[in-house]
C-alpha cells in the first residue's frame, strides 16, 4: 500500500493505492528533466510522467515505473494499468525508447511493455 501524489487541476491530490510491477528508470537525465519541468517542488511519491499505461513515480534522485495499481487493498478490487486507476491528464506522456534485442539475462534501462504476436 502506498500514497501517490498526482497533479490535477493545478493541485497535487493524494491517492492511497496498492502498487504492482515496479521497474527502476535507468536514465536519471529523464527524471532530472521532469523534475525541472514541474511547477512545484517534486518529492518522493509524486507522479511525474506516464507511458503505455504505467506511471513514473519520483523516488529521491531517480524514478520508479509502476505498471499496475489497485484502488483498494480489498480482494474484490481489480489490478489495472496505473493510468486506468488514476487520472493522468496533467502528466507528460514520455516517448517509447527503442531498444535493441537484449542478451539473455539483461534488462532494459527503462519501463517497456512486452508482447508477442502469433501468426499461424
PDB file of N, CA and C in Angstrom:
ATOM      1  N   UNK A   1       0.856  -1.169   0.000  1.00  0.00           N
ATOM      2  CA  UNK A   1       0.000   0.000   0.000  1.00  0.00           C
ATOM      3  C   UNK A   1       0.902   1.232   0.000  1.00  0.00           C
ATOM      4  N   UNK A   2       0.571   2.201  -0.823  1.00  0.00           N
ATOM      5  CA  UNK A   2       1.369   3.407  -0.890  1.00  0.00           C
ATOM      6  C   UNK A   2       0.519   4.620  -1.194  1.00  0.00           C
ATOM      7  N   UNK A   3       1.129   5.783  -1.046  1.00  0.00           N
ATOM      8  CA  UNK A   3       0.452   7.044  -1.345  1.00  0.00           C
ATOM      9  C   UNK A   3       1.163   7.677  -2.535  1.00  0.00           C
ATOM     10  N   UNK A   4       0.405   7.972  -3.583  1.00  0.00           N
ATOM     11  CA  UNK A   4       0.942   8.669  -4.740  1.00  0.00           C
ATOM     12  C   UNK A   4       0.299  10.045  -4.817  1.00  0.00           C
ATOM     13  N   UNK A   5       1.109  11.055  -5.167  1.00  0.00           N
ATOM     14  CA  UNK A   5       0.589  12.410  -5.357  1.00  0.00           C
ATOM     15  C   UNK A   5       0.563  12.693  -6.851  1.00  0.00           C
ATOM     16  N   UNK A   6      -0.597  13.106  -7.324  1.00  0.00           N
ATOM     17  CA  UNK A   6      -0.821  13.289  -8.748  1.00  0.00           C
ATOM     18  C   UNK A   6      -1.353  14.683  -9.027  1.00  0.00           C
ATOM     19  N   UNK A   7      -0.784  15.384 -10.031  1.00  0.00           N
ATOM     20  CA  UNK A   7      -1.299  16.723 -10.340  1.00  0.00           C
ATOM     21  C   UNK A   7      -2.669  16.637 -11.000  1.00  0.00           C
ATOM     22  N   UNK A   8      -3.593  17.459 -10.523  1.00  0.00           N
ATOM     23  CA  UNK A   8      -4.924  17.543 -11.122  1.00  0.00           C
ATOM     24  C   UNK A   8      -5.443  18.959 -10.916  1.00  0.00           C
ATOM     25  N   UNK A   9      -5.745  19.622 -12.009  1.00  0.00           N
ATOM     26  CA  UNK A   9      -6.279  20.978 -11.978  1.00  0.00           C
ATOM     27  C   UNK A   9      -5.384  21.929 -11.176  1.00  0.00           C
ATOM     28  N   UNK A  10      -4.067  21.814 -11.370  1.00  0.00           N
ATOM     29  CA  UNK A  10      -3.118  22.716 -10.739  1.00  0.00           C
ATOM     30  C   UNK A  10      -2.765  22.407  -9.299  1.00  0.00           C
ATOM     31  N   UNK A  11      -3.317  21.337  -8.730  1.00  0.00           N
ATOM     32  CA  UNK A  11      -3.016  20.960  -7.346  1.00  0.00           C
ATOM     33  C   UNK A  11      -2.594  19.499  -7.295  1.00  0.00           C
ATOM     34  N   UNK A  12      -1.854  19.157  -6.231  1.00  0.00           N
ATOM     35  CA  UNK A  12      -1.481  17.759  -6.023  1.00  0.00           C
ATOM     36  C   UNK A  12      -2.545  17.067  -5.181  1.00  0.00           C
ATOM     37  N   UNK A  13      -3.028  15.937  -5.661  1.00  0.00           N
ATOM     38  CA  UNK A  13      -4.011  15.158  -4.915  1.00  0.00           C
ATOM     39  C   UNK A  13      -3.372  13.840  -4.502  1.00  0.00           C
ATOM     40  N   UNK A  14      -3.612  13.433  -3.256  1.00  0.00           N
ATOM     41  CA  UNK A  14      -3.059  12.179  -2.753  1.00  0.00           C
ATOM     42  C   UNK A  14      -4.042  11.042  -2.983  1.00  0.00           C
ATOM     43  N   UNK A  15      -3.485   9.877  -3.368  1.00  0.00           N
ATOM     44  CA  UNK A  15      -4.284   8.685  -3.611  1.00  0.00           C
ATOM     45  C   UNK A  15      -3.633   7.504  -2.891  1.00  0.00           C
ATOM     46  N   UNK A  16      -4.396   6.790  -2.078  1.00  0.00           N
ATOM     47  CA  UNK A  16      -3.919   5.552  -1.454  1.00  0.00           C
ATOM     48  C   UNK A  16      -4.186   4.411  -2.416  1.00  0.00           C
ATOM     49  N   UNK A  17      -3.143   3.705  -2.803  1.00  0.00           N
ATOM     50  CA  UNK A  17      -3.273   2.630  -3.784  1.00  0.00           C
ATOM     51  C   UNK A  17      -2.342   1.478  -3.419  1.00  0.00           C
ATOM     52  N   UNK A  18      -2.565   0.323  -4.055  1.00  0.00           N
ATOM     53  CA  UNK A  18      -1.664  -0.815  -3.961  1.00  0.00           C
ATOM     54  C   UNK A  18      -0.877  -0.844  -5.272  1.00  0.00           C
ATOM     55  N   UNK A  19       0.457  -0.903  -5.189  1.00  0.00           N
ATOM     56  CA  UNK A  19       1.315  -0.789  -6.360  1.00  0.00           C
ATOM     57  C   UNK A  19       1.833  -2.154  -6.818  1.00  0.00           C
ATOM     58  N   UNK A  20       1.957  -2.320  -8.147  1.00  0.00           N
ATOM     59  CA  UNK A  20       2.478  -3.545  -8.742  1.00  0.00           C
ATOM     60  C   UNK A  20       3.404  -3.200  -9.906  1.00  0.00           C
ATOM     61  N   UNK A  21       4.286  -4.122 -10.244  1.00  0.00           N
ATOM     62  CA  UNK A  21       5.105  -4.011 -11.443  1.00  0.00           C
ATOM     63  C   UNK A  21       6.104  -2.883 -11.420  1.00  0.00           C
ATOM     64  N   UNK A  22       6.871  -2.746 -10.348  1.00  0.00           N
ATOM     65  CA  UNK A  22       7.858  -1.661 -10.248  1.00  0.00           C
ATOM     66  C   UNK A  22       9.075  -1.963 -11.125  1.00  0.00           C
ATOM     67  N   UNK A  23       9.568  -0.920 -11.792  1.00  0.00           N
ATOM     68  CA  UNK A  23      10.748  -1.016 -12.645  1.00  0.00           C
ATOM     69  C   UNK A  23      11.535   0.282 -12.499  1.00  0.00           C
ATOM     70  N   UNK A  24      12.794   0.187 -12.103  1.00  0.00           N
ATOM     71  CA  UNK A  24      13.622   1.384 -11.895  1.00  0.00           C
ATOM     72  C   UNK A  24      13.936   2.029 -13.243  1.00  0.00           C
ATOM     73  N   UNK A  25      13.760   3.347 -13.314  1.00  0.00           N
ATOM     74  CA  UNK A  25      14.142   4.106 -14.516  1.00  0.00           C
ATOM     75  C   UNK A  25      15.652   4.279 -14.497  1.00  0.00           C
ATOM     76  N   UNK A  26      16.334   3.735 -15.496  1.00  0.00           N
ATOM     77  CA  UNK A  26      17.789   3.752 -15.538  1.00  0.00           C
ATOM     78  C   UNK A  26      18.380   5.057 -16.046  1.00  0.00           C
ATOM     79  N   UNK A  27      17.585   5.871 -16.738  1.00  0.00           N
ATOM     80  CA  UNK A  27      18.080   7.132 -17.298  1.00  0.00           C
ATOM     81  C   UNK A  27      17.739   8.269 -16.342  1.00  0.00           C
ATOM     82  N   UNK A  28      18.691   8.638 -15.491  1.00  0.00           N
ATOM     83  CA  UNK A  28      18.436   9.689 -14.497  1.00  0.00           C
ATOM     84  C   UNK A  28      18.244  11.065 -15.130  1.00  0.00           C
ATOM     85  N   UNK A  29      18.754  11.256 -16.356  1.00  0.00           N
ATOM     86  CA  UNK A  29      18.555  12.539 -17.037  1.00  0.00           C
ATOM     87  C   UNK A  29      17.074  12.778 -17.325  1.00  0.00           C
ATOM     88  N   UNK A  30      16.348  11.724 -17.664  1.00  0.00           N
ATOM     89  CA  UNK A  30      14.904  11.844 -17.911  1.00  0.00           C
ATOM     90  C   UNK A  30      14.220  12.339 -16.642  1.00  0.00           C
ATOM     91  N   UNK A  31      14.566  11.743 -15.509  1.00  0.00           N
ATOM     92  CA  UNK A  31      13.944  12.110 -14.234  1.00  0.00           C
ATOM     93  C   UNK A  31      14.319  13.546 -13.853  1.00  0.00           C
ATOM     94  N   UNK A  32      15.590  13.919 -14.007  1.00  0.00           N
ATOM     95  CA  UNK A  32      16.023  15.289 -13.683  1.00  0.00           C
ATOM     96  C   UNK A  32      15.280  16.318 -14.538  1.00  0.00           C
ATOM     97  N   UNK A  33      15.134  16.018 -15.824  1.00  0.00           N
ATOM     98  CA  UNK A  33      14.438  16.938 -16.725  1.00  0.00           C
ATOM     99  C   UNK A  33      12.975  17.099 -16.307  1.00  0.00           C
ATOM    100  N   UNK A  34      12.335  16.008 -15.927  1.00  0.00           N
ATOM    101  CA  UNK A  34      10.942  16.086 -15.476  1.00  0.00           C
ATOM    102  C   UNK A  34      10.829  16.859 -14.166  1.00  0.00           C
ATOM    103  N   UNK A  35      11.815  16.722 -13.273  1.00  0.00           N
ATOM    104  CA  UNK A  35      11.820  17.490 -12.023  1.00  0.00           C
ATOM    105  C   UNK A  35      11.879  18.990 -12.333  1.00  0.00           C
ATOM    106  N   UNK A  36      12.729  19.383 -13.285  1.00  0.00           N
ATOM    107  CA  UNK A  36      12.881  20.806 -13.613  1.00  0.00           C
ATOM    108  C   UNK A  36      11.625  21.359 -14.286  1.00  0.00           C
ATOM    109  N   UNK A  37      10.902  20.527 -15.046  1.00  0.00           N
ATOM    110  CA  UNK A  37       9.728  20.981 -15.786  1.00  0.00           C
ATOM    111  C   UNK A  37       8.492  21.171 -14.907  1.00  0.00           C
ATOM    112  N   UNK A  38       8.499  20.647 -13.703  1.00  0.00           N
ATOM    113  CA  UNK A  38       7.326  20.743 -12.822  1.00  0.00           C
ATOM    114  C   UNK A  38       7.209  22.139 -12.228  1.00  0.00           C
ATOM    115  N   UNK A  39       5.984  22.586 -12.032  1.00  0.00           N
ATOM    116  CA  UNK A  39       5.731  23.903 -11.430  1.00  0.00           C
ATOM    117  C   UNK A  39       5.855  23.839  -9.909  1.00  0.00           C
ATOM    118  N   UNK A  40       5.929  22.664  -9.343  1.00  0.00           N
ATOM    119  CA  UNK A  40       6.065  22.508  -7.894  1.00  0.00           C
ATOM    120  C   UNK A  40       7.359  21.759  -7.590  1.00  0.00           C
ATOM    121  N   UNK A  41       7.772  21.800  -6.337  1.00  0.00           N
ATOM    122  CA  UNK A  41       8.963  21.066  -5.897  1.00  0.00           C
ATOM    123  C   UNK A  41       8.596  19.586  -5.823  1.00  0.00           C
ATOM    124  N   UNK A  42       9.248  18.772  -6.613  1.00  0.00           N
ATOM    125  CA  UNK A  42       8.937  17.343  -6.682  1.00  0.00           C
ATOM    126  C   UNK A  42       9.497  16.628  -5.464  1.00  0.00           C
ATOM    127  N   UNK A  43       8.657  15.799  -4.849  1.00  0.00           N
ATOM    128  CA  UNK A  43       9.060  14.999  -3.693  1.00  0.00           C
ATOM    129  C   UNK A  43       8.870  13.522  -4.016  1.00  0.00           C
ATOM    130  N   UNK A  44       9.545  12.624  -3.283  1.00  0.00           N
ATOM    131  CA  UNK A  44       9.291  11.198  -3.488  1.00  0.00           C
ATOM    132  C   UNK A  44       7.803  10.895  -3.324  1.00  0.00           C
ATOM    133  N   UNK A  45       7.277  10.109  -4.252  1.00  0.00           N
ATOM    134  CA  UNK A  45       5.857   9.779  -4.241  1.00  0.00           C
ATOM    135  C   UNK A  45       5.049  10.579  -5.238  1.00  0.00           C
ATOM    136  N   UNK A  46       5.646  11.643  -5.817  1.00  0.00           N
ATOM    137  CA  UNK A  46       4.952  12.424  -6.841  1.00  0.00           C
ATOM    138  C   UNK A  46       5.020  11.682  -8.176  1.00  0.00           C
ATOM    139  N   UNK A  47       3.895  11.599  -8.861  1.00  0.00           N
ATOM    140  CA  UNK A  47       3.858  11.006 -10.196  1.00  0.00           C
ATOM    141  C   UNK A  47       4.282  12.092 -11.178  1.00  0.00           C
ATOM    142  N   UNK A  48       5.317  11.800 -12.000  1.00  0.00           N
ATOM    143  CA  UNK A  48       5.889  12.841 -12.862  1.00  0.00           C
ATOM    144  C   UNK A  48       5.793  12.531 -14.351  1.00  0.00           C
ATOM    145  N   UNK A  49       5.334  11.342 -14.729  1.00  0.00           N
ATOM    146  CA  UNK A  49       5.224  11.011 -16.153  1.00  0.00           C
ATOM    147  C   UNK A  49       4.427   9.740 -16.353  1.00  0.00           C
ATOM    148  N   UNK A  50       4.131   9.440 -17.622  1.00  0.00           N
ATOM    149  CA  UNK A  50       3.389   8.217 -17.954  1.00  0.00           C
ATOM    150  C   UNK A  50       3.840   7.680 -19.301  1.00  0.00           C
ATOM    151  N   UNK A  51       3.633   6.396 -19.495  1.00  0.00           N
ATOM    152  CA  UNK A  51       3.948   5.729 -20.761  1.00  0.00           C
ATOM    153  C   UNK A  51       3.249   4.374 -20.773  1.00  0.00           C
ATOM    154  N   UNK A  52       2.557   4.071 -21.840  1.00  0.00           N
ATOM    155  CA  UNK A  52       1.938   2.751 -22.036  1.00  0.00           C
ATOM    156  C   UNK A  52       1.140   2.267 -20.833  1.00  0.00           C
ATOM    157  N   UNK A  53       0.398   3.126 -20.194  1.00  0.00           N
ATOM    158  CA  UNK A  53      -0.425   2.720 -19.058  1.00  0.00           C
ATOM    159  C   UNK A  53       0.297   2.711 -17.726  1.00  0.00           C
ATOM    160  N   UNK A  54       1.618   2.958 -17.734  1.00  0.00           N
ATOM    161  CA  UNK A  54       2.402   2.984 -16.496  1.00  0.00           C
ATOM    162  C   UNK A  54       2.650   4.429 -16.070  1.00  0.00           C
ATOM    163  N   UNK A  55       2.975   4.608 -14.786  1.00  0.00           N
ATOM    164  CA  UNK A  55       3.280   5.937 -14.251  1.00  0.00           C
ATOM    165  C   UNK A  55       4.693   5.952 -13.678  1.00  0.00           C
ATOM    166  N   UNK A  56       5.399   7.052 -13.919  1.00  0.00           N
ATOM    167  CA  UNK A  56       6.740   7.240 -13.375  1.00  0.00           C
ATOM    168  C   UNK A  56       6.624   8.014 -12.075  1.00  0.00           C
ATOM    169  N   UNK A  57       7.094   7.401 -10.988  1.00  0.00           N
ATOM    170  CA  UNK A  57       6.990   7.986  -9.650  1.00  0.00           C
ATOM    171  C   UNK A  57       8.363   8.454  -9.203  1.00  0.00           C
ATOM    172  N   UNK A  58       8.445   9.689  -8.733  1.00  0.00           N
ATOM    173  CA  UNK A  58       9.698  10.235  -8.230  1.00  0.00           C
ATOM    174  C   UNK A  58      10.128   9.465  -6.990  1.00  0.00           C
ATOM    175  N   UNK A  59      11.431   9.182  -6.929  1.00  0.00           N
ATOM    176  CA  UNK A  59      11.968   8.393  -5.818  1.00  0.00           C
ATOM    177  C   UNK A  59      13.376   8.906  -5.524  1.00  0.00           C
ATOM    178  N   UNK A  60      13.470   9.948  -4.710  1.00  0.00           N
ATOM    179  CA  UNK A  60      14.782  10.550  -4.448  1.00  0.00           C
ATOM    180  C   UNK A  60      15.294  11.213  -5.707  1.00  0.00           C
ATOM    181  N   UNK A  61      16.507  10.867  -6.137  1.00  0.00           N
ATOM    182  CA  UNK A  61      17.072  11.445  -7.358  1.00  0.00           C
ATOM    183  C   UNK A  61      16.688  10.660  -8.597  1.00  0.00           C
ATOM    184  N   UNK A  62      16.047   9.523  -8.424  1.00  0.00           N
ATOM    185  CA  UNK A  62      15.660   8.699  -9.557  1.00  0.00           C
ATOM    186  C   UNK A  62      14.159   8.582  -9.667  1.00  0.00           C
ATOM    187  N   UNK A  63      13.751   7.545 -10.370  1.00  0.00           N
ATOM    188  CA  UNK A  63      12.331   7.307 -10.547  1.00  0.00           C
ATOM    189  C   UNK A  63      12.043   5.821 -10.667  1.00  0.00           C
ATOM    190  N   UNK A  64      10.804   5.446 -10.380  1.00  0.00           N
ATOM    191  CA  UNK A  64      10.361   4.058 -10.478  1.00  0.00           C
ATOM    192  C   UNK A  64       9.078   4.032 -11.289  1.00  0.00           C
ATOM    193  N   UNK A  65       9.043   3.179 -12.298  1.00  0.00           N
ATOM    194  CA  UNK A  65       7.825   2.979 -13.066  1.00  0.00           C
ATOM    195  C   UNK A  65       6.926   2.011 -12.319  1.00  0.00           C
ATOM    196  N   UNK A  66       5.639   2.320 -12.246  1.00  0.00           N
ATOM    197  CA  UNK A  66       4.645   1.436 -11.650  1.00  0.00           C
ATOM    198  C   UNK A  66       3.668   1.089 -12.762  1.00  0.00           C
ATOM    199  N   UNK A  67       3.596  -0.201 -13.105  1.00  0.00           N
ATOM    200  CA  UNK A  67       2.776  -0.584 -14.255  1.00  0.00           C
ATOM    201  C   UNK A  67       1.296  -0.765 -13.912  1.00  0.00           C
ATOM    202  N   UNK A  68       0.993  -1.265 -12.702  1.00  0.00           N
ATOM    203  CA  UNK A  68      -0.398  -1.552 -12.339  1.00  0.00           C
ATOM    204  C   UNK A  68      -0.702  -1.073 -10.926  1.00  0.00           C
ATOM    205  N   UNK A  69      -1.971  -0.781 -10.686  1.00  0.00           N
ATOM    206  CA  UNK A  69      -2.440  -0.341  -9.370  1.00  0.00           C
ATOM    207  C   UNK A  69      -3.763  -1.016  -9.037  1.00  0.00           C
ATOM    208  N   UNK A  70      -4.024  -1.080  -7.745  1.00  0.00           N
ATOM    209  CA  UNK A  70      -5.359  -1.416  -7.255  1.00  0.00           C
ATOM    210  C   UNK A  70      -5.809  -0.228  -6.417  1.00  0.00           C
ATOM    211  N   UNK A  71      -7.052   0.182  -6.585  1.00  0.00           N
ATOM    212  CA  UNK A  71      -7.559   1.339  -5.864  1.00  0.00           C
ATOM    213  C   UNK A  71      -7.798   1.032  -4.392  1.00  0.00           C
ATOM    214  N   UNK A  72      -7.826  -0.243  -4.042  1.00  0.00           N
ATOM    215  CA  UNK A  72      -8.099  -0.647  -2.666  1.00  0.00           C
ATOM    216  C   UNK A  72      -7.391  -1.968  -2.395  1.00  0.00           C
ATOM    217  N   UNK A  73      -6.960  -2.212  -1.151  1.00  0.00           N
ATOM    218  CA  UNK A  73      -6.323  -3.499  -0.847  1.00  0.00           C
ATOM    219  C   UNK A  73      -7.323  -4.656  -0.750  1.00  0.00           C
ATOM    220  N   UNK A  74      -8.618  -4.380  -0.861  1.00  0.00           N
ATOM    221  CA  UNK A  74      -9.620  -5.440  -0.783  1.00  0.00           C
ATOM    222  C   UNK A  74      -9.444  -6.427  -1.930  1.00  0.00           C
ATOM    223  N   UNK A  75      -9.756  -7.693  -1.677  1.00  0.00           N
ATOM    224  CA  UNK A  75      -9.602  -8.724  -2.699  1.00  0.00           C
ATOM    225  C   UNK A  75     -10.514  -8.497  -3.897  1.00  0.00           C
ATOM    226  N   UNK A  76     -11.602  -7.783  -3.705  1.00  0.00           N
ATOM    227  CA  UNK A  76     -12.536  -7.549  -4.803  1.00  0.00           C
ATOM    228  C   UNK A  76     -12.083  -6.434  -5.739  1.00  0.00           C
ATOM    229  N   UNK A  77     -11.077  -5.666  -5.344  1.00  0.00           N
ATOM    230  CA  UNK A  77     -10.559  -4.581  -6.176  1.00  0.00           C
ATOM    231  C   UNK A  77      -9.701  -5.175  -7.299  1.00  0.00           C
ATOM    232  N   UNK A  78      -9.881  -4.667  -8.515  1.00  0.00           N
ATOM    233  CA  UNK A  78      -9.144  -5.182  -9.667  1.00  0.00           C
ATOM    234  C   UNK A  78      -7.783  -4.512  -9.820  1.00  0.00           C
ATOM    235  N   UNK A  79      -6.793  -5.292 -10.246  1.00  0.00           N
ATOM    236  CA  UNK A  79      -5.479  -4.761 -10.593  1.00  0.00           C
ATOM    237  C   UNK A  79      -5.559  -4.333 -12.057  1.00  0.00           C
ATOM    238  N   UNK A  80      -5.347  -3.035 -12.305  1.00  0.00           N
ATOM    239  CA  UNK A  80      -5.481  -2.468 -13.649  1.00  0.00           C
ATOM    240  C   UNK A  80      -4.248  -1.647 -14.006  1.00  0.00           C
ATOM    241  N   UNK A  81      -4.062  -1.325 -15.303  1.00  0.00           N
ATOM    242  CA  UNK A  81      -2.961  -0.414 -15.652  1.00  0.00           C
ATOM    243  C   UNK A  81      -3.062   0.868 -14.832  1.00  0.00           C
ATOM    244  N   UNK A  82      -1.928   1.375 -14.414  1.00  0.00           N
ATOM    245  CA  UNK A  82      -1.887   2.518 -13.489  1.00  0.00           C
ATOM    246  C   UNK A  82      -2.685   3.713 -13.989  1.00  0.00           C
ATOM    247  N   UNK A  83      -2.600   4.018 -15.288  1.00  0.00           N
ATOM    248  CA  UNK A  83      -3.320   5.184 -15.803  1.00  0.00           C
ATOM    249  C   UNK A  83      -4.824   4.945 -15.901  1.00  0.00           C
ATOM    250  N   UNK A  84      -5.268   3.704 -15.771  1.00  0.00           N
ATOM    251  CA  UNK A  84      -6.706   3.414 -15.730  1.00  0.00           C
ATOM    252  C   UNK A  84      -7.268   3.637 -14.334  1.00  0.00           C
ATOM    253  N   UNK A  85      -6.419   3.475 -13.310  1.00  0.00           N
ATOM    254  CA  UNK A  85      -6.869   3.627 -11.928  1.00  0.00           C
ATOM    255  C   UNK A  85      -6.855   5.092 -11.506  1.00  0.00           C
ATOM    256  N   UNK A  86      -5.802   5.815 -11.895  1.00  0.00           N
ATOM    257  CA  UNK A  86      -5.678   7.231 -11.510  1.00  0.00           C
ATOM    258  C   UNK A  86      -5.746   8.122 -12.749  1.00  0.00           C
ATOM    259  N   UNK A  87      -6.434   9.247 -12.654  1.00  0.00           N
ATOM    260  CA  UNK A  87      -6.468  10.175 -13.795  1.00  0.00           C
ATOM    261  C   UNK A  87      -5.070  10.730 -14.042  1.00  0.00           C
ATOM    262  N   UNK A  88      -4.697  10.884 -15.295  1.00  0.00           N
ATOM    263  CA  UNK A  88      -3.329  11.327 -15.579  1.00  0.00           C
ATOM    264  C   UNK A  88      -3.267  12.399 -16.659  1.00  0.00           C
ATOM    265  N   UNK A  89      -4.323  13.171 -16.813  1.00  0.00           N
ATOM    266  CA  UNK A  89      -4.376  14.164 -17.891  1.00  0.00           C
ATOM    267  C   UNK A  89      -3.301  15.242 -17.758  1.00  0.00           C
ATOM    268  N   UNK A  90      -2.896  15.576 -16.527  1.00  0.00           N
ATOM    269  CA  UNK A  90      -1.909  16.639 -16.324  1.00  0.00           C
ATOM    270  C   UNK A  90      -0.464  16.141 -16.359  1.00  0.00           C
ATOM    271  N   UNK A  91      -0.247  14.897 -16.774  1.00  0.00           N
ATOM    272  CA  UNK A  91       1.099  14.330 -16.805  1.00  0.00           C
ATOM    273  C   UNK A  91       1.629  14.278 -18.231  1.00  0.00           C
ATOM    274  N   UNK A  92       2.936  14.539 -18.406  1.00  0.00           N
ATOM    275  CA  UNK A  92       3.500  14.404 -19.748  1.00  0.00           C
ATOM    276  C   UNK A  92       3.594  12.926 -20.142  1.00  0.00           C
ATOM    277  N   UNK A  93       3.315  12.652 -21.419  1.00  0.00           N
ATOM    278  CA  UNK A  93       3.494  11.306 -21.956  1.00  0.00           C
ATOM    279  C   UNK A  93       4.922  11.209 -22.460  1.00  0.00           C
ATOM    280  N   UNK A  94       5.664  10.247 -21.951  1.00  0.00           N
ATOM    281  CA  UNK A  94       7.064  10.084 -22.340  1.00  0.00           C
ATOM    282  C   UNK A  94       7.151   9.176 -23.555  1.00  0.00           C
ATOM    283  N   UNK A  95       8.068   9.480 -24.483  1.00  0.00           N
ATOM    284  CA  UNK A  95       8.183   8.651 -25.688  1.00  0.00           C
ATOM    285  C   UNK A  95       8.706   7.261 -25.355  1.00  0.00           C
ATOM    286  N   UNK A  96       8.368   6.325 -26.222  1.00  0.00           N
ATOM    287  CA  UNK A  96       8.871   4.957 -26.066  1.00  0.00           C
ATOM    288  C   UNK A  96      10.318   4.945 -26.533  1.00  0.00           C
ATOM    289  N   UNK A  97      11.197   4.413 -25.695  1.00  0.00           N
ATOM    290  CA  UNK A  97      12.611   4.340 -26.044  1.00  0.00           C
ATOM    291  C   UNK A  97      12.870   3.066 -26.843  1.00  0.00           C
ATOM    292  N   UNK A  98      13.427   3.211 -28.059  1.00  0.00           N
ATOM    293  CA  UNK A  98      13.727   1.999 -28.821  1.00  0.00           C
ATOM    294  C   UNK A  98      14.810   1.190 -28.114  1.00  0.00           C
ATOM    295  N   UNK A  99      14.705  -0.092 -28.212  1.00  0.00           N
ATOM    296  CA  UNK A  99      15.653  -0.972 -27.526  1.00  0.00           C
ATOM    297  C   UNK A  99      16.058  -2.086 -28.479  1.00  0.00           C
ATOM    298  N   UNK A 100      17.346  -2.237 -28.661  1.00  0.00           N
ATOM    299  CA  UNK A 100      17.852  -3.342 -29.478  1.00  0.00           C
ATOM    300  C   UNK A 100      17.601  -4.649 -28.728  1.00  0.00           C
ATOM    301  N   UNK A 101      17.625  -5.768 -29.423  1.00  0.00           N
ATOM    302  CA  UNK A 101      17.452  -7.041 -28.716  1.00  0.00           C
ATOM    303  C   UNK A 101      18.469  -7.161 -27.579  1.00  0.00           C
ATOM    304  N   UNK A 102      17.991  -7.617 -26.428  1.00  0.00           N
ATOM    305  CA  UNK A 102      18.849  -7.736 -25.254  1.00  0.00           C
ATOM    306  C   UNK A 102      19.378  -9.156 -25.119  1.00  0.00           C
ATOM    307  N   UNK A 103      20.624  -9.298 -24.693  1.00  0.00           N
ATOM    308  CA  UNK A 103      21.138 -10.642 -24.441  1.00  0.00           C
ATOM    309  C   UNK A 103      20.402 -11.277 -23.259  1.00  0.00           C
ATOM    310  N   UNK A 104      20.417 -12.576 -23.205  1.00  0.00           N
ATOM    311  CA  UNK A 104      19.750 -13.310 -22.137  1.00  0.00           C
ATOM    312  C   UNK A 104      20.213 -12.815 -20.771  1.00  0.00           C
ATOM    313  N   UNK A 105      19.278 -12.490 -19.904  1.00  0.00           N
ATOM    314  CA  UNK A 105      19.588 -12.029 -18.553  1.00  0.00           C
ATOM    315  C   UNK A 105      19.749 -10.528 -18.420  1.00  0.00           C
ATOM    316  N   UNK A 106      19.817  -9.795 -19.532  1.00  0.00           N
ATOM    317  CA  UNK A 106      19.964  -8.335 -19.488  1.00  0.00           C
ATOM    318  C   UNK A 106      18.587  -7.695 -19.333  1.00  0.00           C
ATOM    319  N   UNK A 107      18.584  -6.475 -18.804  1.00  0.00           N
ATOM    320  CA  UNK A 107      17.338  -5.726 -18.624  1.00  0.00           C
ATOM    321  C   UNK A 107      17.425  -4.395 -19.353  1.00  0.00           C
ATOM    322  N   UNK A 108      16.291  -3.920 -19.882  1.00  0.00           N
ATOM    323  CA  UNK A 108      16.315  -2.578 -20.474  1.00  0.00           C
ATOM    324  C   UNK A 108      16.476  -1.532 -19.375  1.00  0.00           C
ATOM    325  N   UNK A 109      16.919  -0.323 -19.755  1.00  0.00           N
ATOM    326  CA  UNK A 109      17.136   0.728 -18.763  1.00  0.00           C
ATOM    327  C   UNK A 109      15.864   1.446 -18.357  1.00  0.00           C
ATOM    328  N   UNK A 110      14.751   1.158 -18.999  1.00  0.00           N
ATOM    329  CA  UNK A 110      13.507   1.851 -18.711  1.00  0.00           C
ATOM    330  C   UNK A 110      12.336   0.885 -18.822  1.00  0.00           C
ATOM    331  N   UNK A 111      11.164   1.328 -18.395  1.00  0.00           N
ATOM    332  CA  UNK A 111       9.965   0.507 -18.492  1.00  0.00           C
ATOM    333  C   UNK A 111       9.590   0.307 -19.948  1.00  0.00           C
ATOM    334  N   UNK A 112       9.303  -0.926 -20.310  1.00  0.00           N
ATOM    335  CA  UNK A 112       8.818  -1.234 -21.649  1.00  0.00           C
ATOM    336  C   UNK A 112       7.795  -2.349 -21.546  1.00  0.00           C
ATOM    337  N   UNK A 113       6.697  -2.202 -22.269  1.00  0.00           N
ATOM    338  CA  UNK A 113       5.733  -3.289 -22.371  1.00  0.00           C
ATOM    339  C   UNK A 113       6.358  -4.399 -23.195  1.00  0.00           C
ATOM    340  N   UNK A 114       6.020  -5.619 -22.873  1.00  0.00           N
ATOM    341  CA  UNK A 114       6.493  -6.772 -23.632  1.00  0.00           C
ATOM    342  C   UNK A 114       5.268  -7.478 -24.184  1.00  0.00           C
ATOM    343  N   UNK A 115       5.295  -7.790 -25.447  1.00  0.00           N
ATOM    344  CA  UNK A 115       4.187  -8.509 -26.043  1.00  0.00           C
ATOM    345  C   UNK A 115       4.714  -9.393 -27.159  1.00  0.00           C
ATOM    346  N   UNK A 116       3.902 -10.328 -27.564  1.00  0.00           N
ATOM    347  CA  UNK A 116       4.247 -11.208 -28.676  1.00  0.00           C
ATOM    348  C   UNK A 116       3.094 -11.197 -29.666  1.00  0.00           C
ATOM    349  N   UNK A 117       3.415 -11.534 -30.893  1.00  0.00           N
ATOM    350  CA  UNK A 117       2.413 -11.671 -31.936  1.00  0.00           C
ATOM    351  C   UNK A 117       2.530 -13.083 -32.484  1.00  0.00           C
ATOM    352  N   UNK A 118       1.411 -13.743 -32.554  1.00  0.00           N
ATOM    353  CA  UNK A 118       1.413 -15.118 -33.049  1.00  0.00           C
ATOM    354  C   UNK A 118       0.799 -15.154 -34.441  1.00  0.00           C
ATOM    355  N   UNK A 119       1.511 -15.775 -35.361  1.00  0.00           N
ATOM    356  CA  UNK A 119       0.997 -15.938 -36.720  1.00  0.00           C
ATOM    357  C   UNK A 119       0.875 -17.413 -36.997  1.00  0.00           C
ATOM    358  N   UNK A 120      -0.286 -17.801 -37.452  1.00  0.00           N
ATOM    359  CA  UNK A 120      -0.482 -19.221 -37.817  1.00  0.00           C
ATOM    360  C   UNK A 120      -0.290 -19.412 -39.293  1.00  0.00           C
TER     361      UNK A 120
END
